[in-house]
Amino acid sequence: MGDSVEFFFYDTAKILLLLVLMVYVIGWLRAAMHVERVRGYLAGKGRGIGYVLGAGFGAVTPFCSCSSIPLFLGFTTARIPLGITMAFLITSPLINEIAVVLLWGLLGWKFTVIYVVVGMVAGIAGGIIMDALRAERWLQPFLLDAMKNASARAAAVEAGEAPKMGLMERHVFAYAETSNIFKKVWLWVVVGVGLGAALHGFVPQEWFTENLGAGQWWSVPAAVAIGIPLYTNVTGIIPIMESLLLKGLPLGTTLAFCMSTVAVSLPEVLMLKQVMRWKLLAVFLGLLLAIFTLAGWLFNVLQVNIF
C-alpha cells in the first residue's frame, strides 16, 4: 500500500510537470523556429532517417509508458510526422541506459543486444506502419486543429504575411497552447496513474511459469495480452525477467511479456484516449500485440542457438 501511494503521488506530479514543461517549451520553440522546414524534411527524403532518430531518441530518454505522452503531444502539435512520433512513443519506455546496464549485468550481453534490437525494430516498424495507414487522421479533433493552426501560422510567417513573434508573443502563444491541452488531459493523467498505482508491481510470476512455461504457440500472444494492462517501467521489469527465465519460461515468451508490460499499459491507454480516437488506439495496441508476438515466436525458435 505504501509503495502504491508513493507511486501515485510521484508519478502524477512527474507526468503533469512534464506535460506542462514539454508542451510549453515545444510551443515556444515552434513560435520562433522554422519547424515547417524540419517537418518537411522529415516528411520527405528524411522519413527513413526520422524513424531511426525517433526510435533512437526514445531509447536515450528515461521515460515510462505514461511519462512519454507529454513528448508525444509536443511532437504532434509541432507537426512532426506521426510515424516518427510513434517510433518514439513505442521505443521510449522499452529502452534506456540504466536498463542496458542492468540487463548486461543480470542476463549477459547476448540478451541485452537482443532486447535493444527488438525494441528499436518495434519502434521503427510501428512508425512505418502508422504512416502507411495515414493514422494521423485518427487523432482527436483538438490536436488536428492545433496542427492546422500551427501550419497556417508557419506558412504566413514564411510568406511574410505575419510578423515574427517577440518574446512576450511567444510566451502568450505557448501558454495558451499548454493551457488548452492541459485542461483536456490532466484529469485522465490522475485517473490513469491511480489505476497504475493499483497495478504497480503486480506480475503473477508463478502463474506464468505454471501455465505458459511449456512454450505452446499460443503462450506468446497470451503473455503479451496479459502484459499490456500491467504497469511498470523497464528498470523494474528486469529482475522479473531474470526470475522468469530462471524458472524456465522460454526466452521468447519472457521477452514478449516483459516488453508488452513496459511498452504500453492500461493507464497509458486511458491517457492516450484523450488524444487518439478509438480507431488509432486500437491500431496502436494491435500493432504492439502483433510485433511482440512475432518477436516472441522467433526467439522461442532461436533460443537453442542463442544460449
Protein backbone atom coordinates (compact mmCIF):
# COMPACT_ATOMS: atom_id res chain seq x y z
CA MET A 1 0.00 0.00 0.00
CA GLY A 2 2.83 2.38 0.88
CA ASP A 3 4.60 1.70 -2.43
CA SER A 4 1.37 2.27 -4.36
CA VAL A 5 0.66 5.60 -2.59
CA GLU A 6 4.23 6.79 -3.17
CA PHE A 7 4.00 5.71 -6.81
CA PHE A 8 0.72 7.61 -7.28
CA PHE A 9 1.94 10.96 -5.92
CA TYR A 10 5.38 10.76 -7.51
CA ASP A 11 4.19 9.75 -10.98
CA THR A 12 1.23 12.14 -11.01
CA ALA A 13 3.47 15.10 -10.19
CA LYS A 14 6.16 13.94 -12.63
CA ILE A 15 3.82 13.44 -15.58
CA LEU A 16 1.88 16.68 -15.03
CA LEU A 17 5.12 18.67 -14.73
CA LEU A 18 6.47 17.00 -17.87
CA LEU A 19 3.22 17.76 -19.67
CA VAL A 20 3.37 21.47 -18.83
CA LEU A 21 7.10 21.78 -19.44
CA MET A 22 7.35 19.89 -22.73
CA VAL A 23 4.23 21.31 -24.38
CA TYR A 24 5.21 24.85 -23.33
CA VAL A 25 8.83 24.54 -24.47
CA ILE A 26 7.93 22.97 -27.81
CA GLY A 27 5.18 25.54 -28.31
CA TRP A 28 7.60 28.38 -27.55
CA LEU A 29 10.21 26.98 -29.94
CA ARG A 30 7.61 26.36 -32.61
CA ALA A 31 6.56 30.01 -32.46
CA ALA A 32 10.15 31.07 -33.04
CA MET A 33 11.66 28.46 -35.34
CA HIS A 34 11.04 27.21 -38.86
CA VAL A 35 9.53 23.95 -37.66
CA GLU A 36 7.81 23.52 -41.03
CA ARG A 37 11.20 23.13 -42.69
CA VAL A 38 12.14 20.38 -40.26
CA ARG A 39 8.76 18.75 -40.67
CA GLY A 40 9.01 18.98 -44.46
CA TYR A 41 12.41 17.31 -44.40
CA LEU A 42 11.23 14.51 -42.13
CA ALA A 43 8.09 14.02 -44.21
CA GLY A 44 10.13 13.73 -47.41
CA LYS A 45 13.55 12.29 -48.07
CA GLY A 46 14.40 12.24 -44.39
CA ARG A 47 11.49 10.00 -43.41
CA GLY A 48 13.63 6.86 -43.08
CA ILE A 49 16.20 8.76 -41.03
CA GLY A 50 13.34 10.20 -38.99
CA TYR A 51 12.13 6.74 -37.92
CA VAL A 52 15.63 5.85 -36.72
CA LEU A 53 16.01 9.21 -34.97
CA GLY A 54 12.59 8.90 -33.33
CA ALA A 55 13.35 5.40 -32.06
CA GLY A 56 16.87 6.42 -31.06
CA PHE A 57 15.64 9.45 -29.13
CA GLY A 58 13.16 7.19 -27.38
CA ALA A 59 15.97 4.81 -26.44
CA VAL A 60 18.00 7.51 -24.68
CA THR A 61 15.11 9.14 -22.79
CA PRO A 62 14.33 7.53 -19.40
CA PHE A 63 10.53 7.63 -19.61
CA CYS A 64 7.91 5.03 -18.75
CA SER A 65 4.89 4.45 -21.00
CA CYS A 66 2.88 7.26 -19.36
CA SER A 67 5.75 9.75 -18.99
CA SER A 68 6.43 9.66 -22.74
CA ILE A 69 2.95 11.01 -23.55
CA PRO A 70 3.85 14.71 -22.92
CA LEU A 71 6.61 14.48 -25.54
CA PHE A 72 4.21 12.70 -27.88
CA LEU A 73 1.82 15.65 -27.53
CA GLY A 74 4.60 18.16 -28.07
CA PHE A 75 5.90 16.43 -31.20
CA THR A 76 2.37 16.07 -32.57
CA THR A 77 1.48 19.74 -32.12
CA ALA A 78 4.80 20.59 -33.79
CA ARG A 79 3.52 18.57 -36.78
CA ILE A 80 6.35 16.04 -36.71
CA PRO A 81 5.04 13.13 -38.84
CA LEU A 82 3.00 10.75 -36.71
CA GLY A 83 5.04 7.70 -37.72
CA ILE A 84 8.22 9.27 -36.34
CA THR A 85 6.39 10.32 -33.18
CA MET A 86 5.04 6.78 -32.82
CA ALA A 87 8.55 5.35 -33.20
CA PHE A 88 9.50 7.47 -30.18
CA LEU A 89 6.35 6.52 -28.21
CA ILE A 90 6.97 2.79 -28.68
CA THR A 91 10.72 2.79 -28.01
CA SER A 92 10.92 5.31 -25.16
CA PRO A 93 9.55 3.08 -22.37
CA LEU A 94 11.34 -0.02 -23.71
CA ILE A 95 14.98 1.07 -23.64
CA ASN A 96 17.20 3.36 -21.59
CA GLU A 97 20.82 3.38 -20.48
CA ILE A 98 20.03 2.13 -16.97
CA ALA A 99 18.13 -0.83 -18.41
CA VAL A 100 21.05 -1.68 -20.70
CA VAL A 101 23.50 -1.72 -17.77
CA LEU A 102 21.17 -3.83 -15.61
CA LEU A 103 20.41 -6.26 -18.43
CA TRP A 104 24.10 -6.67 -19.20
CA GLY A 105 24.91 -7.40 -15.56
CA LEU A 106 21.99 -9.75 -14.86
CA LEU A 107 21.44 -11.57 -18.15
CA GLY A 108 24.59 -11.06 -20.22
CA TRP A 109 25.46 -9.23 -23.41
CA LYS A 110 23.58 -11.57 -25.77
CA PHE A 111 20.22 -10.95 -24.15
CA THR A 112 20.97 -7.22 -23.87
CA VAL A 113 21.68 -6.96 -27.61
CA ILE A 114 18.55 -8.98 -28.42
CA TYR A 115 16.40 -6.75 -26.21
CA VAL A 116 17.74 -3.47 -27.64
CA VAL A 117 17.45 -4.66 -31.26
CA VAL A 118 13.88 -5.88 -30.77
CA GLY A 119 12.93 -2.59 -29.08
CA MET A 120 14.42 -0.46 -31.86
CA VAL A 121 12.88 -2.62 -34.62
CA ALA A 122 9.49 -2.45 -32.88
CA GLY A 123 9.60 1.35 -32.82
CA ILE A 124 10.77 1.74 -36.43
CA ALA A 125 8.31 -0.85 -37.77
CA GLY A 126 5.48 0.72 -35.81
CA GLY A 127 6.27 4.15 -37.23
CA ILE A 128 6.41 2.88 -40.82
CA ILE A 129 3.07 1.09 -40.49
CA MET A 130 1.37 4.09 -38.87
CA ASP A 131 2.46 6.35 -41.72
CA ALA A 132 1.40 3.76 -44.30
CA LEU A 133 -2.09 3.76 -42.73
CA ARG A 134 -2.18 7.60 -42.64
CA ALA A 135 -3.05 7.22 -38.96
CA GLU A 136 -2.69 10.95 -38.29
CA ARG A 137 -6.33 11.41 -39.38
CA TRP A 138 -7.43 9.43 -36.29
CA LEU A 139 -6.10 11.92 -33.76
CA GLN A 140 -8.60 13.78 -31.60
CA PRO A 141 -10.09 16.92 -33.24
CA PHE A 142 -8.42 19.41 -30.85
CA LEU A 143 -4.98 18.07 -31.84
CA LEU A 144 -5.83 18.22 -35.54
CA ASP A 145 -6.98 21.82 -35.06
CA ALA A 146 -3.75 22.70 -33.24
CA MET A 147 -1.74 21.17 -36.09
CA LYS A 148 -3.71 23.12 -38.71
CA ASN A 149 -3.28 26.39 -36.82
CA ALA A 150 0.44 25.74 -36.49
CA SER A 151 0.74 25.04 -40.19
CA ALA A 152 -1.23 28.17 -41.14
CA ARG A 153 0.88 30.34 -38.83
CA ALA A 154 4.14 28.88 -40.19
CA ALA A 155 3.02 29.44 -43.78
CA ALA A 156 2.07 33.05 -43.02
CA VAL A 157 5.46 33.72 -41.42
CA GLU A 158 7.27 32.14 -44.37
CA ALA A 159 5.31 34.31 -46.81
CA GLY A 160 5.95 37.45 -44.77
CA GLU A 161 2.23 37.87 -44.09
CA ALA A 162 2.61 37.58 -40.32
CA PRO A 163 5.20 39.32 -38.13
CA LYS A 164 7.73 37.24 -36.28
CA MET A 165 6.84 36.85 -32.62
CA GLY A 166 8.76 38.62 -29.88
CA LEU A 167 9.48 37.02 -26.52
CA MET A 168 6.16 38.03 -24.97
CA GLU A 169 4.16 36.91 -28.01
CA ARG A 170 5.92 33.51 -27.93
CA HIS A 171 5.10 33.16 -24.24
CA VAL A 172 1.44 34.01 -24.82
CA PHE A 173 1.24 31.51 -27.69
CA ALA A 174 2.96 28.71 -25.76
CA TYR A 175 0.95 29.40 -22.59
CA ALA A 176 -2.37 29.29 -24.46
CA GLU A 177 -1.49 26.02 -26.16
CA THR A 178 -0.24 24.45 -22.92
CA SER A 179 -3.34 25.57 -21.03
CA ASN A 180 -5.67 24.20 -23.71
CA ILE A 181 -4.02 20.77 -23.79
CA PHE A 182 -3.58 20.58 -20.00
CA LYS A 183 -7.29 21.18 -19.41
CA LYS A 184 -8.19 18.31 -21.72
CA VAL A 185 -5.87 15.65 -20.28
CA TRP A 186 -4.96 16.42 -16.64
CA LEU A 187 -7.87 14.51 -15.10
CA TRP A 188 -7.08 11.43 -17.14
CA VAL A 189 -3.45 11.60 -16.06
CA VAL A 190 -4.61 11.43 -12.43
CA VAL A 191 -7.08 8.59 -13.15
CA GLY A 192 -4.53 6.69 -15.21
CA VAL A 193 -1.74 6.95 -12.63
CA GLY A 194 -4.21 5.96 -9.91
CA LEU A 195 -5.01 2.80 -11.84
CA GLY A 196 -1.30 2.26 -12.43
CA ALA A 197 -0.66 2.55 -8.69
CA ALA A 198 -3.21 -0.20 -8.06
CA LEU A 199 -1.44 -2.46 -10.58
CA HIS A 200 2.09 -1.37 -9.61
CA GLY A 201 4.44 -4.31 -9.14
CA PHE A 202 1.76 -6.93 -9.79
CA VAL A 203 3.29 -9.63 -12.01
CA PRO A 204 1.94 -13.19 -11.47
CA GLN A 205 5.29 -14.98 -11.90
CA GLU A 206 4.23 -18.39 -10.55
CA TRP A 207 1.12 -18.43 -12.73
CA PHE A 208 3.23 -17.68 -15.80
CA THR A 209 5.68 -20.48 -15.23
CA GLU A 210 2.92 -22.97 -14.46
CA ASN A 211 0.65 -22.12 -17.41
CA LEU A 212 2.90 -20.65 -20.11
CA GLY A 213 6.17 -22.47 -19.46
CA ALA A 214 5.69 -25.29 -21.96
CA GLY A 215 6.27 -22.99 -24.94
CA GLN A 216 2.99 -23.65 -26.78
CA TRP A 217 2.37 -21.39 -29.78
CA TRP A 218 -0.50 -19.62 -28.04
CA SER A 219 1.54 -18.87 -24.91
CA VAL A 220 3.31 -15.91 -26.56
CA PRO A 221 0.22 -13.91 -27.61
CA ALA A 222 -1.34 -14.81 -24.26
CA ALA A 223 1.69 -13.43 -22.42
CA VAL A 224 1.55 -10.21 -24.47
CA ALA A 225 -2.19 -9.79 -23.87
CA ILE A 226 -1.71 -10.27 -20.12
CA GLY A 227 1.27 -7.92 -20.01
CA ILE A 228 -0.39 -4.98 -21.79
CA PRO A 229 -2.72 -3.90 -18.91
CA LEU A 230 0.05 -4.07 -16.27
CA TYR A 231 2.15 -1.02 -15.45
CA THR A 232 5.83 -0.93 -14.58
CA ASN A 233 8.99 0.60 -16.02
CA VAL A 234 11.85 -1.12 -17.79
CA THR A 235 14.13 -0.92 -14.74
CA GLY A 236 11.52 -2.63 -12.57
CA ILE A 237 10.81 -5.39 -15.08
CA ILE A 238 14.43 -6.58 -15.48
CA PRO A 239 14.64 -8.54 -12.18
CA ILE A 240 11.27 -10.11 -13.07
CA MET A 241 12.66 -11.00 -16.49
CA GLU A 242 15.61 -12.75 -14.86
CA SER A 243 13.33 -14.60 -12.43
CA LEU A 244 11.02 -15.84 -15.19
CA LEU A 245 13.96 -17.12 -17.23
CA LEU A 246 15.46 -18.92 -14.21
CA LYS A 247 12.09 -20.53 -13.51
CA GLY A 248 12.07 -22.00 -17.02
CA LEU A 249 9.83 -19.65 -19.01
CA PRO A 250 11.00 -19.72 -22.67
CA LEU A 251 13.12 -16.79 -23.85
CA GLY A 252 10.64 -15.55 -26.47
CA THR A 253 7.66 -15.75 -24.12
CA THR A 254 9.59 -13.87 -21.42
CA LEU A 255 10.76 -11.20 -23.86
CA ALA A 256 7.27 -10.71 -25.31
CA PHE A 257 5.64 -10.44 -21.88
CA CYS A 258 8.17 -8.02 -20.42
CA MET A 259 8.22 -5.76 -23.47
CA SER A 260 4.43 -5.57 -23.59
CA THR A 261 4.35 -4.72 -19.87
CA VAL A 262 6.66 -1.71 -20.21
CA ALA A 263 5.69 -0.54 -23.72
CA VAL A 264 2.01 0.01 -23.02
CA SER A 265 -0.30 -0.11 -20.02
CA LEU A 266 -3.93 0.40 -19.06
CA PRO A 267 -3.13 3.82 -17.51
CA GLU A 268 -1.39 4.86 -20.73
CA VAL A 269 -4.41 3.75 -22.76
CA LEU A 270 -6.69 5.96 -20.64
CA MET A 271 -4.41 8.95 -21.26
CA LEU A 272 -3.91 8.24 -24.96
CA LYS A 273 -7.67 8.03 -25.44
CA GLN A 274 -7.77 11.78 -24.78
CA VAL A 275 -5.51 12.45 -27.79
CA MET A 276 -6.37 9.48 -30.05
CA ARG A 277 -9.67 8.26 -31.43
CA TRP A 278 -10.63 4.66 -30.75
CA LYS A 279 -9.55 3.55 -34.22
CA LEU A 280 -5.98 4.84 -33.76
CA LEU A 281 -5.80 3.43 -30.24
CA ALA A 282 -6.95 0.01 -31.49
CA VAL A 283 -4.37 0.07 -34.29
CA PHE A 284 -1.65 1.06 -31.81
CA LEU A 285 -2.49 -1.78 -29.41
CA GLY A 286 -2.97 -4.32 -32.20
CA LEU A 287 0.34 -3.33 -33.72
CA LEU A 288 2.23 -3.86 -30.48
CA LEU A 289 0.46 -7.17 -29.90
CA ALA A 290 1.50 -8.36 -33.36
CA ILE A 291 5.11 -7.11 -33.15
CA PHE A 292 5.80 -8.57 -29.71
CA THR A 293 4.08 -11.85 -30.58
CA LEU A 294 6.19 -12.26 -33.72
CA ALA A 295 9.34 -11.43 -31.76
CA GLY A 296 8.40 -13.95 -29.07
CA TRP A 297 7.75 -16.74 -31.57
CA LEU A 298 11.02 -16.00 -33.36
CA PHE A 299 13.15 -16.12 -30.22
CA ASN A 300 11.44 -19.22 -28.88
CA VAL A 301 12.53 -20.95 -32.08
CA LEU A 302 16.06 -19.49 -31.93
CA GLN A 303 16.56 -20.00 -28.19
CA VAL A 304 18.63 -23.16 -28.54
CA ASN A 305 21.05 -21.41 -30.92
CA ILE A 306 21.39 -18.24 -28.83
CA PHE A 307 22.15 -19.68 -25.38
